[in-house]
Amino acid sequence: MPSYGLPRSSRLHLKKDFQQVIHGGAKLQYNGVILWWRSGPENTRPARFAVVVSRKLGPAVVRNRAKRLLREAFRLNRKNIKEGTDLVFSPRESEKITHVHAAQEALKTLCGKAALLKHSSENKS
């Protein structure tokens, strides 16, 4: 049975990695979601992803749902994101991300504006 989870190699874990992305990278905002990203010199490793959620978003149930939806959106679209990129997402409005399609739209739009998506000719294989 295939594994549908997000592999450890596709997640940011270390505090220094978060700091490098948030303080040394670029930032965009769309539809209640903030994206910080940083393209690394290593183009051989897959894109890495993390979600940072403030308590201001709401109770734990709301925060966890937002994290789950953004993680799933990344999992479904990670093959379309350039290798070597580190992404940190932070949802700011829980009403804007109510289902996976809204999370995917936010992810694709932000990555498109940041020029982090691979060319469409590469995605068709």
PDB file of N, CA and C in Angstrom:
ATOM      1  N   MET A   1       0.845  -1.181   0.000  1.00  0.00           N
ATOM      2  CA  MET A   1       0.000   0.000   0.000  1.00  0.00           C
ATOM      3  C   MET A   1       0.886   1.238   0.000  1.00  0.00           C
ATOM      4  N   PRO A   2       0.625   2.182  -0.911  1.00  0.00           N
ATOM      5  CA  PRO A   2       1.471   3.374  -0.985  1.00  0.00           C
ATOM      6  C   PRO A   2       1.270   4.280   0.230  1.00  0.00           C
ATOM      7  N   SER A   3       2.328   4.992   0.570  1.00  0.00           N
ATOM      8  CA  SER A   3       2.267   5.946   1.662  1.00  0.00           C
ATOM      9  C   SER A   3       1.801   7.292   1.128  1.00  0.00           C
ATOM     10  N   TYR A   4       0.788   7.852   1.763  1.00  0.00           N
ATOM     11  CA  TYR A   4       0.247   9.128   1.313  1.00  0.00           C
ATOM     12  C   TYR A   4       0.676  10.291   2.194  1.00  0.00           C
ATOM     13  N   GLY A   5       1.513  10.039   3.176  1.00  0.00           N
ATOM     14  CA  GLY A   5       1.954  11.087   4.079  1.00  0.00           C
ATOM     15  C   GLY A   5       3.006  11.986   3.450  1.00  0.00           C
ATOM     16  N   LEU A   6       3.365  12.987   4.194  1.00  0.00           N
ATOM     17  CA  LEU A   6       4.404  13.919   3.774  1.00  0.00           C
ATOM     18  C   LEU A   6       5.727  13.427   4.349  1.00  0.00           C
ATOM     19  N   PRO A   7       6.686  13.041   3.508  1.00  0.00           N
ATOM     20  CA  PRO A   7       7.937  12.490   4.031  1.00  0.00           C
ATOM     21  C   PRO A   7       8.732  13.513   4.831  1.00  0.00           C
ATOM     22  N   ARG A   8       9.547  13.029   5.742  1.00  0.00           N
ATOM     23  CA  ARG A   8      10.344  13.892   6.602  1.00  0.00           C
ATOM     24  C   ARG A   8      11.255  14.819   5.784  1.00  0.00           C
ATOM     25  N   SER A   9      11.728  14.351   4.647  1.00  0.00           N
ATOM     26  CA  SER A   9      12.615  15.170   3.816  1.00  0.00           C
ATOM     27  C   SER A   9      11.899  16.374   3.211  1.00  0.00           C
ATOM     28  N   SER A  10      10.564  16.399   3.269  1.00  0.00           N
ATOM     29  CA  SER A  10       9.794  17.513   2.714  1.00  0.00           C
ATOM     30  C   SER A  10       9.285  18.463   3.785  1.00  0.00           C
ATOM     31  N   ARG A  11       9.802  18.324   5.012  1.00  0.00           N
ATOM     32  CA  ARG A  11       9.351  19.180   6.111  1.00  0.00           C
ATOM     33  C   ARG A  11      10.519  19.944   6.713  1.00  0.00           C
ATOM     34  N   LEU A  12      10.268  21.159   7.136  1.00  0.00           N
ATOM     35  CA  LEU A  12      11.251  21.950   7.885  1.00  0.00           C
ATOM     36  C   LEU A  12      11.109  21.590   9.358  1.00  0.00           C
ATOM     37  N   HIS A  13      12.241  21.391  10.052  1.00  0.00           N
ATOM     38  CA  HIS A  13      12.178  21.011  11.463  1.00  0.00           C
ATOM     39  C   HIS A  13      12.994  21.911  12.365  1.00  0.00           C
ATOM     40  N   LEU A  14      14.154  22.311  11.907  1.00  0.00           N
ATOM     41  CA  LEU A  14      15.093  23.005  12.773  1.00  0.00           C
ATOM     42  C   LEU A  14      14.773  24.490  12.900  1.00  0.00           C
ATOM     43  N   LYS A  15      14.990  25.012  14.100  1.00  0.00           N
ATOM     44  CA  LYS A  15      14.728  26.430  14.375  1.00  0.00           C
ATOM     45  C   LYS A  15      15.545  27.320  13.448  1.00  0.00           C
ATOM     46  N   LYS A  16      16.797  26.945  13.184  1.00  0.00           N
ATOM     47  CA  LYS A  16      17.648  27.767  12.314  1.00  0.00           C
ATOM     48  C   LYS A  16      17.101  27.806  10.887  1.00  0.00           C
ATOM     49  N   ASP A  17      16.477  26.722  10.433  1.00  0.00           N
ATOM     50  CA  ASP A  17      15.875  26.712   9.102  1.00  0.00           C
ATOM     51  C   ASP A  17      14.694  27.682   9.034  1.00  0.00           C
ATOM     52  N   PHE A  18      13.854  27.670  10.072  1.00  0.00           N
ATOM     53  CA  PHE A  18      12.731  28.602  10.131  1.00  0.00           C
ATOM     54  C   PHE A  18      13.232  30.043  10.116  1.00  0.00           C
ATOM     55  N   GLN A  19      14.246  30.325  10.930  1.00  0.00           N
ATOM     56  CA  GLN A  19      14.784  31.678  11.017  1.00  0.00           C
ATOM     57  C   GLN A  19      15.386  32.133   9.693  1.00  0.00           C
ATOM     58  N   GLN A  20      16.094  31.231   9.015  1.00  0.00           N
ATOM     59  CA  GLN A  20      16.677  31.582   7.724  1.00  0.00           C
ATOM     60  C   GLN A  20      15.599  31.929   6.699  1.00  0.00           C
ATOM     61  N   VAL A  21      14.503  31.184   6.721  1.00  0.00           N
ATOM     62  CA  VAL A  21      13.431  31.439   5.756  1.00  0.00           C
ATOM     63  C   VAL A  21      12.682  32.725   6.102  1.00  0.00           C
ATOM     64  N   ILE A  22      12.316  32.888   7.370  1.00  0.00           N
ATOM     65  CA  ILE A  22      11.500  34.042   7.760  1.00  0.00           C
ATOM     66  C   ILE A  22      12.300  35.341   7.731  1.00  0.00           C
ATOM     67  N   HIS A  23      13.533  35.312   8.220  1.00  0.00           N
ATOM     68  CA  HIS A  23      14.323  36.542   8.285  1.00  0.00           C
ATOM     69  C   HIS A  23      15.164  36.788   7.037  1.00  0.00           C
ATOM     70  N   GLY A  24      15.550  35.734   6.341  1.00  0.00           N
ATOM     71  CA  GLY A  24      16.420  35.905   5.186  1.00  0.00           C
ATOM     72  C   GLY A  24      15.744  35.700   3.855  1.00  0.00           C
ATOM     73  N   GLY A  25      14.470  35.330   3.873  1.00  0.00           N
ATOM     74  CA  GLY A  25      13.764  35.064   2.634  1.00  0.00           C
ATOM     75  C   GLY A  25      12.836  36.192   2.239  1.00  0.00           C
ATOM     76  N   ALA A  26      11.952  35.899   1.303  1.00  0.00           N
ATOM     77  CA  ALA A  26      10.984  36.880   0.817  1.00  0.00           C
ATOM     78  C   ALA A  26       9.600  36.537   1.367  1.00  0.00           C
ATOM     79  N   LYS A  27       8.677  37.485   1.262  1.00  0.00           N
ATOM     80  CA  LYS A  27       7.354  37.329   1.865  1.00  0.00           C
ATOM     81  C   LYS A  27       6.272  37.812   0.912  1.00  0.00           C
ATOM     82  N   LEU A  28       5.170  37.058   0.868  1.00  0.00           N
ATOM     83  CA  LEU A  28       3.980  37.428   0.097  1.00  0.00           C
ATOM     84  C   LEU A  28       2.741  37.111   0.915  1.00  0.00           C
ATOM     85  N   GLN A  29       1.639  37.791   0.608  1.00  0.00           N
ATOM     86  CA  GLN A  29       0.380  37.519   1.290  1.00  0.00           C
ATOM     87  C   GLN A  29      -0.735  37.426   0.273  1.00  0.00           C
ATOM     88  N   TYR A  30      -1.641  36.462   0.494  1.00  0.00           N
ATOM     89  CA  TYR A  30      -2.797  36.294  -0.376  1.00  0.00           C
ATOM     90  C   TYR A  30      -3.912  35.605   0.401  1.00  0.00           C
ATOM     91  N   ASN A  31      -5.103  36.161   0.343  1.00  0.00           N
ATOM     92  CA  ASN A  31      -6.310  35.521   0.860  1.00  0.00           C
ATOM     93  C   ASN A  31      -6.157  35.002   2.298  1.00  0.00           C
ATOM     94  N   GLY A  32      -5.567  35.800   3.152  1.00  0.00           N
ATOM     95  CA  GLY A  32      -5.451  35.421   4.554  1.00  0.00           C
ATOM     96  C   GLY A  32      -4.322  34.462   4.868  1.00  0.00           C
ATOM     97  N   VAL A  33      -3.397  34.243   3.936  1.00  0.00           N
ATOM     98  CA  VAL A  33      -2.256  33.354   4.149  1.00  0.00           C
ATOM     99  C   VAL A  33      -0.979  34.105   3.793  1.00  0.00           C
ATOM    100  N   ILE A  34       0.020  33.995   4.657  1.00  0.00           N
ATOM    101  CA  ILE A  34       1.320  34.606   4.397  1.00  0.00           C
ATOM    102  C   ILE A  34       2.296  33.492   4.013  1.00  0.00           C
ATOM    103  N   LEU A  35       3.115  33.753   3.011  1.00  0.00           N
ATOM    104  CA  LEU A  35       4.151  32.814   2.572  1.00  0.00           C
ATOM    105  C   LEU A  35       5.509  33.490   2.694  1.00  0.00           C
ATOM    106  N   TRP A  36       6.417  32.829   3.402  1.00  0.00           N
ATOM    107  CA  TRP A  36       7.832  33.187   3.380  1.00  0.00           C
ATOM    108  C   TRP A  36       8.518  32.075   2.618  1.00  0.00           C
ATOM    109  N   TRP A  37       9.459  32.426   1.752  1.00  0.00           N
ATOM    110  CA  TRP A  37      10.177  31.401   1.018  1.00  0.00           C
ATOM    111  C   TRP A  37      11.623  31.796   0.835  1.00  0.00           C
ATOM    112  N   ARG A  38      12.409  30.782   0.604  1.00  0.00           N
ATOM    113  CA  ARG A  38      13.823  30.976   0.334  1.00  0.00           C
ATOM    114  C   ARG A  38      14.291  29.832  -0.552  1.00  0.00           C
ATOM    115  N   SER A  39      14.907  30.176  -1.648  1.00  0.00           N
ATOM    116  CA  SER A  39      15.458  29.159  -2.541  1.00  0.00           C
ATOM    117  C   SER A  39      16.894  28.898  -2.138  1.00  0.00           C
ATOM    118  N   GLY A  40      17.188  27.661  -1.880  1.00  0.00           N
ATOM    119  CA  GLY A  40      18.527  27.282  -1.462  1.00  0.00           C
ATOM    120  C   GLY A  40      19.401  26.917  -2.634  1.00  0.00           C
ATOM    121  N   PRO A  41      20.701  26.780  -2.388  1.00  0.00           N
ATOM    122  CA  PRO A  41      21.620  26.411  -3.472  1.00  0.00           C
ATOM    123  C   PRO A  41      21.480  24.958  -3.893  1.00  0.00           C
ATOM    124  N   GLU A  42      20.898  24.142  -3.026  1.00  0.00           N
ATOM    125  CA  GLU A  42      20.777  22.720  -3.328  1.00  0.00           C
ATOM    126  C   GLU A  42      19.540  22.486  -4.180  1.00  0.00           C
ATOM    127  N   ASN A  43      19.725  22.116  -5.411  1.00  0.00           N
ATOM    128  CA  ASN A  43      18.583  21.818  -6.267  1.00  0.00           C
ATOM    129  C   ASN A  43      18.285  20.334  -6.319  1.00  0.00           C
ATOM    130  N   THR A  44      19.013  19.541  -5.542  1.00  0.00           N
ATOM    131  CA  THR A  44      18.794  18.105  -5.567  1.00  0.00           C
ATOM    132  C   THR A  44      17.779  17.656  -4.521  1.00  0.00           C
ATOM    133  N   ARG A  45      17.602  18.433  -3.459  1.00  0.00           N
ATOM    134  CA  ARG A  45      16.657  18.026  -2.427  1.00  0.00           C
ATOM    135  C   ARG A  45      15.261  18.544  -2.784  1.00  0.00           C
ATOM    136  N   PRO A  46      14.222  17.882  -2.297  1.00  0.00           N
ATOM    137  CA  PRO A  46      12.865  18.345  -2.600  1.00  0.00           C
ATOM    138  C   PRO A  46      12.543  19.638  -1.865  1.00  0.00           C
ATOM    139  N   ALA A  47      11.485  20.282  -2.284  1.00  0.00           N
ATOM    140  CA  ALA A  47      11.008  21.475  -1.589  1.00  0.00           C
ATOM    141  C   ALA A  47      10.595  21.077  -0.175  1.00  0.00           C
ATOM    142  N   ARG A  48      10.899  21.956   0.788  1.00  0.00           N
ATOM    143  CA  ARG A  48      10.526  21.680   2.175  1.00  0.00           C
ATOM    144  C   ARG A  48       9.470  22.676   2.617  1.00  0.00           C
ATOM    145  N   PHE A  49       8.643  22.256   3.568  1.00  0.00           N
ATOM    146  CA  PHE A  49       7.420  22.979   3.904  1.00  0.00           C
ATOM    147  C   PHE A  49       7.217  23.006   5.410  1.00  0.00           C
ATOM    148  N   ALA A  50       6.634  24.091   5.905  1.00  0.00           N
ATOM    149  CA  ALA A  50       6.240  24.180   7.308  1.00  0.00           C
ATOM    150  C   ALA A  50       5.056  25.134   7.427  1.00  0.00           C
ATOM    151  N   VAL A  51       4.290  24.962   8.500  1.00  0.00           N
ATOM    152  CA  VAL A  51       3.173  25.848   8.795  1.00  0.00           C
ATOM    153  C   VAL A  51       3.395  26.418  10.187  1.00  0.00           C
ATOM    154  N   VAL A  52       3.241  27.724  10.315  1.00  0.00           N
ATOM    155  CA  VAL A  52       3.339  28.409  11.596  1.00  0.00           C
ATOM    156  C   VAL A  52       1.988  29.061  11.852  1.00  0.00           C
ATOM    157  N   VAL A  53       1.370  28.726  12.990  1.00  0.00           N
ATOM    158  CA  VAL A  53       0.043  29.230  13.290  1.00  0.00           C
ATOM    159  C   VAL A  53       0.052  29.919  14.647  1.00  0.00           C
ATOM    160  N   SER A  54      -0.485  31.123  14.679  1.00  0.00           N
ATOM    161  CA  SER A  54      -0.588  31.890  15.909  1.00  0.00           C
ATOM    162  C   SER A  54      -1.865  31.513  16.663  1.00  0.00           C
ATOM    163  N   ARG A  55      -1.846  31.690  17.969  1.00  0.00           N
ATOM    164  CA  ARG A  55      -3.050  31.448  18.763  1.00  0.00           C
ATOM    165  C   ARG A  55      -4.152  32.445  18.451  1.00  0.00           C
ATOM    166  N   LYS A  56      -3.788  33.544  17.815  1.00  0.00           N
ATOM    167  CA  LYS A  56      -4.782  34.548  17.429  1.00  0.00           C
ATOM    168  C   LYS A  56      -5.762  34.002  16.388  1.00  0.00           C
ATOM    169  N   LEU A  57      -5.362  32.929  15.699  1.00  0.00           N
ATOM    170  CA  LEU A  57      -6.220  32.349  14.669  1.00  0.00           C
ATOM    171  C   LEU A  57      -7.489  31.771  15.274  1.00  0.00           C
ATOM    172  N   GLY A  58      -7.391  31.239  16.482  1.00  0.00           N
ATOM    173  CA  GLY A  58      -8.562  30.656  17.125  1.00  0.00           C
ATOM    174  C   GLY A  58      -8.169  29.522  18.049  1.00  0.00           C
ATOM    175  N   PRO A  59      -9.156  28.760  18.503  1.00  0.00           N
ATOM    176  CA  PRO A  59      -8.856  27.633  19.388  1.00  0.00           C
ATOM    177  C   PRO A  59      -8.074  26.538  18.667  1.00  0.00           C
ATOM    178  N   ALA A  60      -7.603  25.568  19.413  1.00  0.00           N
ATOM    179  CA  ALA A  60      -6.741  24.512  18.872  1.00  0.00           C
ATOM    180  C   ALA A  60      -7.381  23.778  17.701  1.00  0.00           C
ATOM    181  N   VAL A  61      -8.683  23.562  17.754  1.00  0.00           N
ATOM    182  CA  VAL A  61      -9.370  22.859  16.673  1.00  0.00           C
ATOM    183  C   VAL A  61      -9.230  23.627  15.362  1.00  0.00           C
ATOM    184  N   VAL A  62      -9.390  24.918  15.406  1.00  0.00           N
ATOM    185  CA  VAL A  62      -9.289  25.763  14.212  1.00  0.00           C
ATOM    186  C   VAL A  62      -7.847  25.801  13.715  1.00  0.00           C
ATOM    187  N   ARG A  63      -6.897  25.968  14.626  1.00  0.00           N
ATOM    188  CA  ARG A  63      -5.476  26.016  14.243  1.00  0.00           C
ATOM    189  C   ARG A  63      -5.035  24.698  13.610  1.00  0.00           C
ATOM    190  N   ASN A  64      -5.409  23.586  14.213  1.00  0.00           N
ATOM    191  CA  ASN A  64      -5.011  22.283  13.675  1.00  0.00           C
ATOM    192  C   ASN A  64      -5.637  22.010  12.320  1.00  0.00           C
ATOM    193  N   ARG A  65      -6.878  22.426  12.128  1.00  0.00           N
ATOM    194  CA  ARG A  65      -7.526  22.234  10.822  1.00  0.00           C
ATOM    195  C   ARG A  65      -6.807  23.043   9.742  1.00  0.00           C
ATOM    196  N   ALA A  66      -6.454  24.273  10.055  1.00  0.00           N
ATOM    197  CA  ALA A  66      -5.736  25.102   9.081  1.00  0.00           C
ATOM    198  C   ALA A  66      -4.399  24.457   8.722  1.00  0.00           C
ATOM    199  N   LYS A  67      -3.691  23.934   9.719  1.00  0.00           N
ATOM    200  CA  LYS A  67      -2.415  23.265   9.440  1.00  0.00           C
ATOM    201  C   LYS A  67      -2.617  22.028   8.576  1.00  0.00           C
ATOM    202  N   ARG A  68      -3.620  21.224   8.895  1.00  0.00           N
ATOM    203  CA  ARG A  68      -3.892  20.005   8.120  1.00  0.00           C
ATOM    204  C   ARG A  68      -4.213  20.337   6.669  1.00  0.00           C
ATOM    205  N   LEU A  69      -5.051  21.353   6.463  1.00  0.00           N
ATOM    206  CA  LEU A  69      -5.445  21.713   5.099  1.00  0.00           C
ATOM    207  C   LEU A  69      -4.259  22.226   4.286  1.00  0.00           C
ATOM    208  N   LEU A  70      -3.412  23.054   4.880  1.00  0.00           N
ATOM    209  CA  LEU A  70      -2.242  23.565   4.158  1.00  0.00           C
ATOM    210  C   LEU A  70      -1.225  22.458   3.888  1.00  0.00           C
ATOM    211  N   ARG A  71      -1.046  21.550   4.847  1.00  0.00           N
ATOM    212  CA  ARG A  71      -0.133  20.416   4.618  1.00  0.00           C
ATOM    213  C   ARG A  71      -0.627  19.542   3.478  1.00  0.00           C
ATOM    214  N   GLU A  72      -1.930  19.275   3.438  1.00  0.00           N
ATOM    215  CA  GLU A  72      -2.493  18.458   2.370  1.00  0.00           C
ATOM    216  C   GLU A  72      -2.357  19.161   1.026  1.00  0.00           C
ATOM    217  N   ALA A  73      -2.581  20.470   0.984  1.00  0.00           N
ATOM    218  CA  ALA A  73      -2.420  21.222  -0.265  1.00  0.00           C
ATOM    219  C   ALA A  73      -0.980  21.120  -0.754  1.00  0.00           C
ATOM    220  N   PHE A  74      -0.011  21.224   0.169  1.00  0.00           N
ATOM    221  CA  PHE A  74       1.394  21.090  -0.228  1.00  0.00           C
ATOM    222  C   PHE A  74       1.685  19.676  -0.706  1.00  0.00           C
ATOM    223  N   ARG A  75       1.171  18.675   0.008  1.00  0.00           N
ATOM    224  CA  ARG A  75       1.426  17.283  -0.364  1.00  0.00           C
ATOM    225  C   ARG A  75       0.925  17.000  -1.781  1.00  0.00           C
ATOM    226  N   LEU A  76      -0.241  17.533  -2.118  1.00  0.00           N
ATOM    227  CA  LEU A  76      -0.811  17.295  -3.441  1.00  0.00           C
ATOM    228  C   LEU A  76      -0.084  18.047  -4.549  1.00  0.00           C
ATOM    229  N   ASN A  77       0.607  19.130  -4.211  1.00  0.00           N
ATOM    230  CA  ASN A  77       1.235  19.982  -5.230  1.00  0.00           C
ATOM    231  C   ASN A  77       2.750  20.056  -5.130  1.00  0.00           C
ATOM    232  N   ARG A  78       3.377  19.280  -4.273  1.00  0.00           N
ATOM    233  CA  ARG A  78       4.824  19.428  -4.057  1.00  0.00           C
ATOM    234  C   ARG A  78       5.641  19.096  -5.301  1.00  0.00           C
ATOM    235  N   LYS A  79       5.129  18.252  -6.173  1.00  0.00           N
ATOM    236  CA  LYS A  79       5.881  17.932  -7.399  1.00  0.00           C
ATOM    237  C   LYS A  79       5.929  19.117  -8.361  1.00  0.00           C
ATOM    238  N   ASN A  80       5.045  20.096  -8.164  1.00  0.00           N
ATOM    239  CA  ASN A  80       5.000  21.279  -9.029  1.00  0.00           C
ATOM    240  C   ASN A  80       5.863  22.430  -8.517  1.00  0.00           C
ATOM    241  N   ILE A  81       6.455  22.277  -7.332  1.00  0.00           N
ATOM    242  CA  ILE A  81       7.258  23.340  -6.730  1.00  0.00           C
ATOM    243  C   ILE A  81       8.736  23.043  -6.973  1.00  0.00           C
ATOM    244  N   LYS A  82       9.481  24.069  -7.296  1.00  0.00           N
ATOM    245  CA  LYS A  82      10.900  23.900  -7.617  1.00  0.00           C
ATOM    246  C   LYS A  82      11.668  23.266  -6.463  1.00  0.00           C
ATOM    247  N   GLU A  83      12.608  22.400  -6.802  1.00  0.00           N
ATOM    248  CA  GLU A  83      13.442  21.749  -5.810  1.00  0.00           C
ATOM    249  C   GLU A  83      14.335  22.760  -5.118  1.00  0.00           C
ATOM    250  N   GLY A  84      14.697  22.464  -3.874  1.00  0.00           N
ATOM    251  CA  GLY A  84      15.601  23.315  -3.123  1.00  0.00           C
ATOM    252  C   GLY A  84      14.940  24.521  -2.485  1.00  0.00           C
ATOM    253  N   THR A  85      13.615  24.610  -2.566  1.00  0.00           N
ATOM    254  CA  THR A  85      12.896  25.749  -2.010  1.00  0.00           C
ATOM    255  C   THR A  85      12.366  25.408  -0.622  1.00  0.00           C
ATOM    256  N   ASP A  86      12.513  26.344   0.307  1.00  0.00           N
ATOM    257  CA  ASP A  86      11.939  26.208   1.645  1.00  0.00           C
ATOM    258  C   ASP A  86      10.755  27.159   1.752  1.00  0.00           C
ATOM    259  N   LEU A  87       9.604  26.628   2.185  1.00  0.00           N
ATOM    260  CA  LEU A  87       8.374  27.409   2.286  1.00  0.00           C
ATOM    261  C   LEU A  87       7.862  27.381   3.721  1.00  0.00           C
ATOM    262  N   VAL A  88       7.441  28.529   4.226  1.00  0.00           N
ATOM    263  CA  VAL A  88       6.786  28.607   5.525  1.00  0.00           C
ATOM    264  C   VAL A  88       5.478  29.363   5.315  1.00  0.00           C
ATOM    265  N   PHE A  89       4.368  28.707   5.620  1.00  0.00           N
ATOM    266  CA  PHE A  89       3.050  29.300   5.492  1.00  0.00           C
ATOM    267  C   PHE A  89       2.517  29.663   6.861  1.00  0.00           C
ATOM    268  N   SER A  90       1.771  30.763   6.917  1.00  0.00           N
ATOM    269  CA  SER A  90       1.140  31.194   8.158  1.00  0.00           C
ATOM    270  C   SER A  90      -0.262  31.699   7.844  1.00  0.00           C
ATOM    271  N   PRO A  91      -1.294  30.901   8.175  1.00  0.00           N
ATOM    272  CA  PRO A  91      -2.663  31.373   7.948  1.00  0.00           C
ATOM    273  C   PRO A  91      -3.024  32.443   8.969  1.00  0.00           C
ATOM    274  N   ARG A  92      -3.663  33.516   8.527  1.00  0.00           N
ATOM    275  CA  ARG A  92      -4.037  34.614   9.417  1.00  0.00           C
ATOM    276  C   ARG A  92      -5.544  34.752   9.564  1.00  0.00           C
ATOM    277  N   GLU A  93      -6.307  34.168   8.647  1.00  0.00           N
ATOM    278  CA  GLU A  93      -7.766  34.246   8.707  1.00  0.00           C
ATOM    279  C   GLU A  93      -8.331  32.855   8.454  1.00  0.00           C
ATOM    280  N   SER A  94      -8.899  32.241   9.496  1.00  0.00           N
ATOM    281  CA  SER A  94      -9.392  30.870   9.380  1.00  0.00           C
ATOM    282  C   SER A  94     -10.615  30.761   8.472  1.00  0.00           C
ATOM    283  N   GLU A  95     -11.370  31.842   8.322  1.00  0.00           N
ATOM    284  CA  GLU A  95     -12.572  31.792   7.494  1.00  0.00           C
ATOM    285  C   GLU A  95     -12.239  31.633   6.011  1.00  0.00           C
ATOM    286  N   LYS A  96     -11.032  32.018   5.606  1.00  0.00           N
ATOM    287  CA  LYS A  96     -10.647  31.966   4.191  1.00  0.00           C
ATOM    288  C   LYS A  96     -10.205  30.566   3.765  1.00  0.00           C
ATOM    289  N   ILE A  97      -9.764  29.745   4.712  1.00  0.00           N
ATOM    290  CA  ILE A  97      -9.306  28.394   4.383  1.00  0.00           C
ATOM    291  C   ILE A  97     -10.247  27.410   5.051  1.00  0.00           C
ATOM    292  N   THR A  98     -11.328  27.069   4.349  1.00  0.00           N
ATOM    293  CA  THR A  98     -12.332  26.186   4.932  1.00  0.00           C
ATOM    294  C   THR A  98     -12.272  24.767   4.385  1.00  0.00           C
ATOM    295  N   HIS A  99     -11.581  24.584   3.251  1.00  0.00           N
ATOM    296  CA  HIS A  99     -11.473  23.254   2.659  1.00  0.00           C
ATOM    297  C   HIS A  99     -10.176  23.170   1.858  1.00  0.00           C
ATOM    298  N   VAL A 100      -9.865  21.989   1.391  1.00  0.00           N
ATOM    299  CA  VAL A 100      -8.596  21.749   0.702  1.00  0.00           C
ATOM    300  C   VAL A 100      -8.481  22.576  -0.573  1.00  0.00           C
ATOM    301  N   HIS A 101      -9.573  22.772  -1.271  1.00  0.00           N
ATOM    302  CA  HIS A 101      -9.517  23.537  -2.519  1.00  0.00           C
ATOM    303  C   HIS A 101      -9.103  24.985  -2.275  1.00  0.00           C
ATOM    304  N   ALA A 102      -9.583  25.575  -1.192  1.00  0.00           N
ATOM    305  CA  ALA A 102      -9.184  26.949  -0.860  1.00  0.00           C
ATOM    306  C   ALA A 102      -7.706  26.997  -0.479  1.00  0.00           C
ATOM    307  N   ALA A 103      -7.240  25.980   0.254  1.00  0.00           N
ATOM    308  CA  ALA A 103      -5.826  25.918   0.624  1.00  0.00           C
ATOM    309  C   ALA A 103      -4.954  25.726  -0.617  1.00  0.00           C
ATOM    310  N   GLN A 104      -5.393  24.875  -1.541  1.00  0.00           N
ATOM    311  CA  GLN A 104      -4.640  24.667  -2.782  1.00  0.00           C
ATOM    312  C   GLN A 104      -4.597  25.939  -3.613  1.00  0.00           C
ATOM    313  N   GLU A 105      -5.701  26.645  -3.688  1.00  0.00           N
ATOM    314  CA  GLU A 105      -5.726  27.895  -4.445  1.00  0.00           C
ATOM    315  C   GLU A 105      -4.742  28.907  -3.855  1.00  0.00           C
ATOM    316  N   ALA A 106      -4.750  29.024  -2.522  1.00  0.00           N
ATOM    317  CA  ALA A 106      -3.823  29.949  -1.864  1.00  0.00           C
ATOM    318  C   ALA A 106      -2.379  29.535  -2.127  1.00  0.00           C
ATOM    319  N   LEU A 107      -2.086  28.243  -1.995  1.00  0.00           N
ATOM    320  CA  LEU A 107      -0.724  27.748  -2.211  1.00  0.00           C
ATOM    321  C   LEU A 107      -0.272  27.984  -3.652  1.00  0.00           C
ATOM    322  N   LYS A 108      -1.106  27.630  -4.607  1.00  0.00           N
ATOM    323  CA  LYS A 108      -0.742  27.800  -6.018  1.00  0.00           C
ATOM    324  C   LYS A 108      -0.583  29.275  -6.384  1.00  0.00           C
ATOM    325  N   THR A 109      -1.469  30.115  -5.882  1.00  0.00           N
ATOM    326  CA  THR A 109      -1.393  31.541  -6.197  1.00  0.00           C
ATOM    327  C   THR A 109      -0.130  32.153  -5.612  1.00  0.00           C
ATOM    328  N   LEU A 110       0.150  31.857  -4.341  1.00  0.00           N
ATOM    329  CA  LEU A 110       1.348  32.411  -3.707  1.00  0.00           C
ATOM    330  C   LEU A 110       2.622  31.905  -4.376  1.00  0.00           C
ATOM    331  N   CYS A 111       2.682  30.606  -4.653  1.00  0.00           N
ATOM    332  CA  CYS A 111       3.871  30.058  -5.310  1.00  0.00           C
ATOM    333  C   CYS A 111       4.005  30.583  -6.739  1.00  0.00           C
ATOM    334  N   GLY A 112       2.890  30.812  -7.410  1.00  0.00           N
ATOM    335  CA  GLY A 112       2.926  31.380  -8.749  1.00  0.00           C
ATOM    336  C   GLY A 112       3.447  32.805  -8.740  1.00  0.00           C
ATOM    337  N   LYS A 113       2.978  33.615  -7.788  1.00  0.00           N
ATOM    338  CA  LYS A 113       3.456  34.994  -7.673  1.00  0.00           C
ATOM    339  C   LYS A 113       4.936  35.040  -7.323  1.00  0.00           C
ATOM    340  N   ALA A 114       5.399  34.066  -6.556  1.00  0.00           N
ATOM    341  CA  ALA A 114       6.798  34.022  -6.146  1.00  0.00           C
ATOM    342  C   ALA A 114       7.678  33.326  -7.183  1.00  0.00           C
ATOM    343  N   ALA A 115       7.098  32.875  -8.287  1.00  0.00           N
ATOM    344  CA  ALA A 115       7.820  32.159  -9.353  1.00  0.00           C
ATOM    345  C   ALA A 115       8.494  30.903  -8.814  1.00  0.00           C
ATOM    346  N   LEU A 116       7.773  30.160  -7.983  1.00  0.00           N
ATOM    347  CA  LEU A 116       8.306  28.927  -7.405  1.00  0.00           C
ATOM    348  C   LEU A 116       7.752  27.680  -8.073  1.00  0.00           C
ATOM    349  N   LEU A 117       6.837  27.844  -9.024  1.00  0.00           N
ATOM    350  CA  LEU A 117       6.262  26.703  -9.712  1.00  0.00           C
ATOM    351  C   LEU A 117       7.119  26.314 -10.900  1.00  0.00           C
ATOM    352  N   LYS A 118       7.210  25.003 -11.135  1.00  0.00           N
ATOM    353  CA  LYS A 118       7.926  24.524 -12.317  1.00  0.00           C
ATOM    354  C   LYS A 118       7.126  24.883 -13.552  1.00  0.00           C
ATOM    355  N   HIS A 119       7.761  24.860 -14.706  1.00  0.00           N
ATOM    356  CA  HIS A 119       7.071  25.155 -15.960  1.00  0.00           C
ATOM    357  C   HIS A 119       6.029  24.087 -16.218  1.00  0.00           C
ATOM    358  N   SER A 120       4.957  24.461 -16.887  1.00  0.00           N
ATOM    359  CA  SER A 120       3.860  23.523 -17.139  1.00  0.00           C
ATOM    360  C   SER A 120       4.297  22.356 -18.018  1.00  0.00           C
ATOM    361  N   SER A 121       5.280  22.538 -18.875  1.00  0.00           N
ATOM    362  CA  SER A 121       5.751  21.443 -19.722  1.00  0.00           C
ATOM    363  C   SER A 121       6.444  20.359 -18.899  1.00  0.00           C
ATOM    364  N   GLU A 122       7.079  20.751 -17.766  1.00  0.00           N
ATOM    365  CA  GLU A 122       7.725  19.788 -16.893  1.00  0.00           C
ATOM    366  C   GLU A 122       6.709  19.025 -16.061  1.00  0.00           C
ATOM    367  N   ASN A 123       5.548  19.609 -15.776  1.00  0.00           N
ATOM    368  CA  ASN A 123       4.553  19.018 -14.899  1.00  0.00           C
ATOM    369  C   ASN A 123       3.748  17.924 -15.585  1.00  0.00           C
ATOM    370  N   LYS A 124       3.751  17.883 -16.900  1.00  0.00           N
ATOM    371  CA  LYS A 124       2.880  16.936 -17.607  1.00  0.00           C
ATOM    372  C   LYS A 124       3.399  15.510 -17.598  1.00  0.00           C
ATOM    373  N   SER A 125       4.623  15.290 -17.173  1.00  0.00           N
ATOM    374  CA  SER A 125       5.150  13.919 -17.175  1.00  0.00           C
ATOM    375  C   SER A 125       4.747  13.160 -15.958  1.00  0.00           C
TER     376      SER A 125
END
